[in-house]
Amino acid sequence: MNDELETERGSTIADAPLVEWLFNSPRAGLIWLVPRLWLGYRWIDAAIHKVTNPAWVDGGEALKGFWMNAIPFPRLEGHQSHSIGTGHLSKPC
């Protein structure tokens, strides 16, 4: 890994020693192991809750609520509002 950067004026900028150690040292891998395991556990835990929850899989009411509120579409005065990309959510399978 190139830990130095040369600017347009020719001066060199080096990484801070702590940053260099965190990203280059094999011993720092033990530090990264803790957040990686925690993040993986949280990700799998959230997935299990969604797969086993009937609101997400048997009818999709939670998914529909998430989809409808994820990106609020602005309502313009004087214009008919359209629900873009949500028509398939109201149709039965």
C-alpha atoms as a PDB file:
ATOM      1  CA  MET A   1       0.000   0.000   0.000  1.00  0.00           C
ATOM      2  CA  ASN A   2       1.376   3.374  -0.968  1.00  0.00           C
ATOM      3  CA  ASP A   3       1.295   5.409   2.235  1.00  0.00           C
ATOM      4  CA  GLU A   4       2.601   8.640   0.753  1.00  0.00           C
ATOM      5  CA  LEU A   5       0.892  11.132  -1.508  1.00  0.00           C
ATOM      6  CA  GLU A   6       2.686  13.725  -3.585  1.00  0.00           C
ATOM      7  CA  THR A   7       0.866  17.016  -4.131  1.00  0.00           C
ATOM      8  CA  GLU A   8       0.923  19.173  -7.258  1.00  0.00           C
ATOM      9  CA  ARG A   9       3.565  21.403  -5.672  1.00  0.00           C
ATOM     10  CA  GLY A  10       5.838  18.430  -5.055  1.00  0.00           C
ATOM     11  CA  SER A  11       5.482  18.116  -1.306  1.00  0.00           C
ATOM     12  CA  THR A  12       4.836  14.709   0.221  1.00  0.00           C
ATOM     13  CA  ILE A  13       1.987  13.875   2.594  1.00  0.00           C
ATOM     14  CA  ALA A  14       2.389  10.688   4.638  1.00  0.00           C
ATOM     15  CA  ASP A  15      -0.255   8.778   6.578  1.00  0.00           C
ATOM     16  CA  ALA A  16      -0.384   9.203  10.328  1.00  0.00           C
ATOM     17  CA  PRO A  17       1.465   6.382  12.140  1.00  0.00           C
ATOM     18  CA  LEU A  18      -1.710   5.170  13.866  1.00  0.00           C
ATOM     19  CA  VAL A  19      -3.614   5.019  10.570  1.00  0.00           C
ATOM     20  CA  GLU A  20      -0.754   3.225   8.885  1.00  0.00           C
ATOM     21  CA  TRP A  21      -0.645   0.667  11.716  1.00  0.00           C
ATOM     22  CA  LEU A  22      -4.447   0.121  11.722  1.00  0.00           C
ATOM     23  CA  PHE A  23      -4.584  -0.606   7.996  1.00  0.00           C
ATOM     24  CA  ASN A  24      -1.243  -2.352   7.444  1.00  0.00           C
ATOM     25  CA  SER A  25      -0.418  -4.349  10.561  1.00  0.00           C
ATOM     26  CA  PRO A  26      -1.542  -7.973  10.887  1.00  0.00           C
ATOM     27  CA  ARG A  27      -1.858  -7.395  14.645  1.00  0.00           C
ATOM     28  CA  ALA A  28      -4.461  -4.699  13.974  1.00  0.00           C
ATOM     29  CA  GLY A  29      -6.598  -7.453  12.469  1.00  0.00           C
ATOM     30  CA  LEU A  30      -7.507  -8.494  15.996  1.00  0.00           C
ATOM     31  CA  ILE A  31      -8.919  -5.025  16.601  1.00  0.00           C
ATOM     32  CA  TRP A  32     -10.929  -5.179  13.364  1.00  0.00           C
ATOM     33  CA  LEU A  33     -12.208  -8.653  14.273  1.00  0.00           C
ATOM     34  CA  VAL A  34     -14.473  -7.327  17.039  1.00  0.00           C
ATOM     35  CA  PRO A  35     -16.481  -4.815  14.950  1.00  0.00           C
ATOM     36  CA  ARG A  36     -16.622  -7.226  12.008  1.00  0.00           C
ATOM     37  CA  LEU A  37     -18.092 -10.007  14.161  1.00  0.00           C
ATOM     38  CA  TRP A  38     -20.546  -7.592  15.808  1.00  0.00           C
ATOM     39  CA  LEU A  39     -21.647  -6.166  12.455  1.00  0.00           C
ATOM     40  CA  GLY A  40     -22.052  -9.643  10.972  1.00  0.00           C
ATOM     41  CA  TYR A  41     -24.134 -10.752  13.959  1.00  0.00           C
ATOM     42  CA  ARG A  42     -26.390  -7.676  13.696  1.00  0.00           C
ATOM     43  CA  TRP A  43     -26.829  -8.215   9.941  1.00  0.00           C
ATOM     44  CA  ILE A  44     -27.752 -11.894  10.322  1.00  0.00           C
ATOM     45  CA  ASP A  45     -30.004 -11.145  13.309  1.00  0.00           C
ATOM     46  CA  ALA A  46     -31.930  -8.512  11.321  1.00  0.00           C
ATOM     47  CA  ALA A  47     -32.276 -10.881   8.365  1.00  0.00           C
ATOM     48  CA  ILE A  48     -33.633 -13.682  10.570  1.00  0.00           C
ATOM     49  CA  HIS A  49     -36.198 -11.337  12.106  1.00  0.00           C
ATOM     50  CA  LYS A  50     -37.416 -10.298   8.670  1.00  0.00           C
ATOM     51  CA  VAL A  51     -37.567 -13.839   7.270  1.00  0.00           C
ATOM     52  CA  THR A  52     -39.461 -15.218  10.269  1.00  0.00           C
ATOM     53  CA  ASN A  53     -41.844 -12.254  10.745  1.00  0.00           C
ATOM     54  CA  PRO A  54     -45.204 -12.769   8.962  1.00  0.00           C
ATOM     55  CA  ALA A  55     -45.559  -9.016   8.408  1.00  0.00           C
ATOM     56  CA  TRP A  56     -42.539  -9.150   6.093  1.00  0.00           C
ATOM     57  CA  VAL A  57     -43.161 -12.426   4.264  1.00  0.00           C
ATOM     58  CA  ASP A  58     -46.887 -13.322   4.473  1.00  0.00           C
ATOM     59  CA  GLY A  59     -48.484 -10.423   2.690  1.00  0.00           C
ATOM     60  CA  GLY A  60     -45.667  -7.939   2.977  1.00  0.00           C
ATOM     61  CA  GLU A  61     -47.426  -5.208   4.996  1.00  0.00           C
ATOM     62  CA  ALA A  62     -44.159  -4.193   6.684  1.00  0.00           C
ATOM     63  CA  LEU A  63     -42.337  -4.217   3.355  1.00  0.00           C
ATOM     64  CA  LYS A  64     -45.091  -2.140   1.763  1.00  0.00           C
ATOM     65  CA  GLY A  65     -44.926   0.355   4.630  1.00  0.00           C
ATOM     66  CA  PHE A  66     -41.158   0.583   4.290  1.00  0.00           C
ATOM     67  CA  TRP A  67     -41.354   1.003   0.525  1.00  0.00           C
ATOM     68  CA  MET A  68     -44.057   3.667   0.683  1.00  0.00           C
ATOM     69  CA  ASN A  69     -42.155   5.714   3.304  1.00  0.00           C
ATOM     70  CA  ALA A  70     -38.557   5.135   2.191  1.00  0.00           C
ATOM     71  CA  ILE A  71     -38.615   7.916  -0.388  1.00  0.00           C
ATOM     72  CA  PRO A  72     -41.399  10.444   0.097  1.00  0.00           C
ATOM     73  CA  PHE A  73     -42.675  11.749  -3.203  1.00  0.00           C
ATOM     74  CA  PRO A  74     -43.437  15.470  -3.128  1.00  0.00           C
ATOM     75  CA  ARG A  75     -47.006  16.501  -3.773  1.00  0.00           C
ATOM     76  CA  LEU A  76     -47.134  19.440  -6.149  1.00  0.00           C
ATOM     77  CA  GLU A  77     -50.059  21.831  -5.878  1.00  0.00           C
ATOM     78  CA  GLY A  78     -52.209  21.886  -8.982  1.00  0.00           C
ATOM     79  CA  HIS A  79     -50.830  18.586 -10.269  1.00  0.00           C
ATOM     80  CA  GLN A  80     -52.270  15.120  -9.948  1.00  0.00           C
ATOM     81  CA  SER A  81     -50.011  13.044  -7.712  1.00  0.00           C
ATOM     82  CA  HIS A  82     -48.761   9.688  -8.963  1.00  0.00           C
ATOM     83  CA  SER A  83     -47.315   6.856  -6.964  1.00  0.00           C
ATOM     84  CA  ILE A  84     -44.281   6.036  -9.060  1.00  0.00           C
ATOM     85  CA  GLY A  85     -43.089   2.440  -8.868  1.00  0.00           C
ATOM     86  CA  THR A  86     -45.576   1.336  -6.197  1.00  0.00           C
ATOM     87  CA  GLY A  87     -48.385  -0.057  -8.366  1.00  0.00           C
ATOM     88  CA  HIS A  88     -47.087  -3.613  -8.080  1.00  0.00           C
ATOM     89  CA  LEU A  89     -47.329  -3.469  -4.261  1.00  0.00           C
ATOM     90  CA  SER A  90     -51.117  -3.209  -4.241  1.00  0.00           C
ATOM     91  CA  LYS A  91     -51.732  -6.029  -6.719  1.00  0.00           C
ATOM     92  CA  PRO A  92     -52.327  -9.519  -5.297  1.00  0.00           C
ATOM     93  CA  CYS A  93     -49.914 -12.209  -6.405  1.00  0.00           C
END
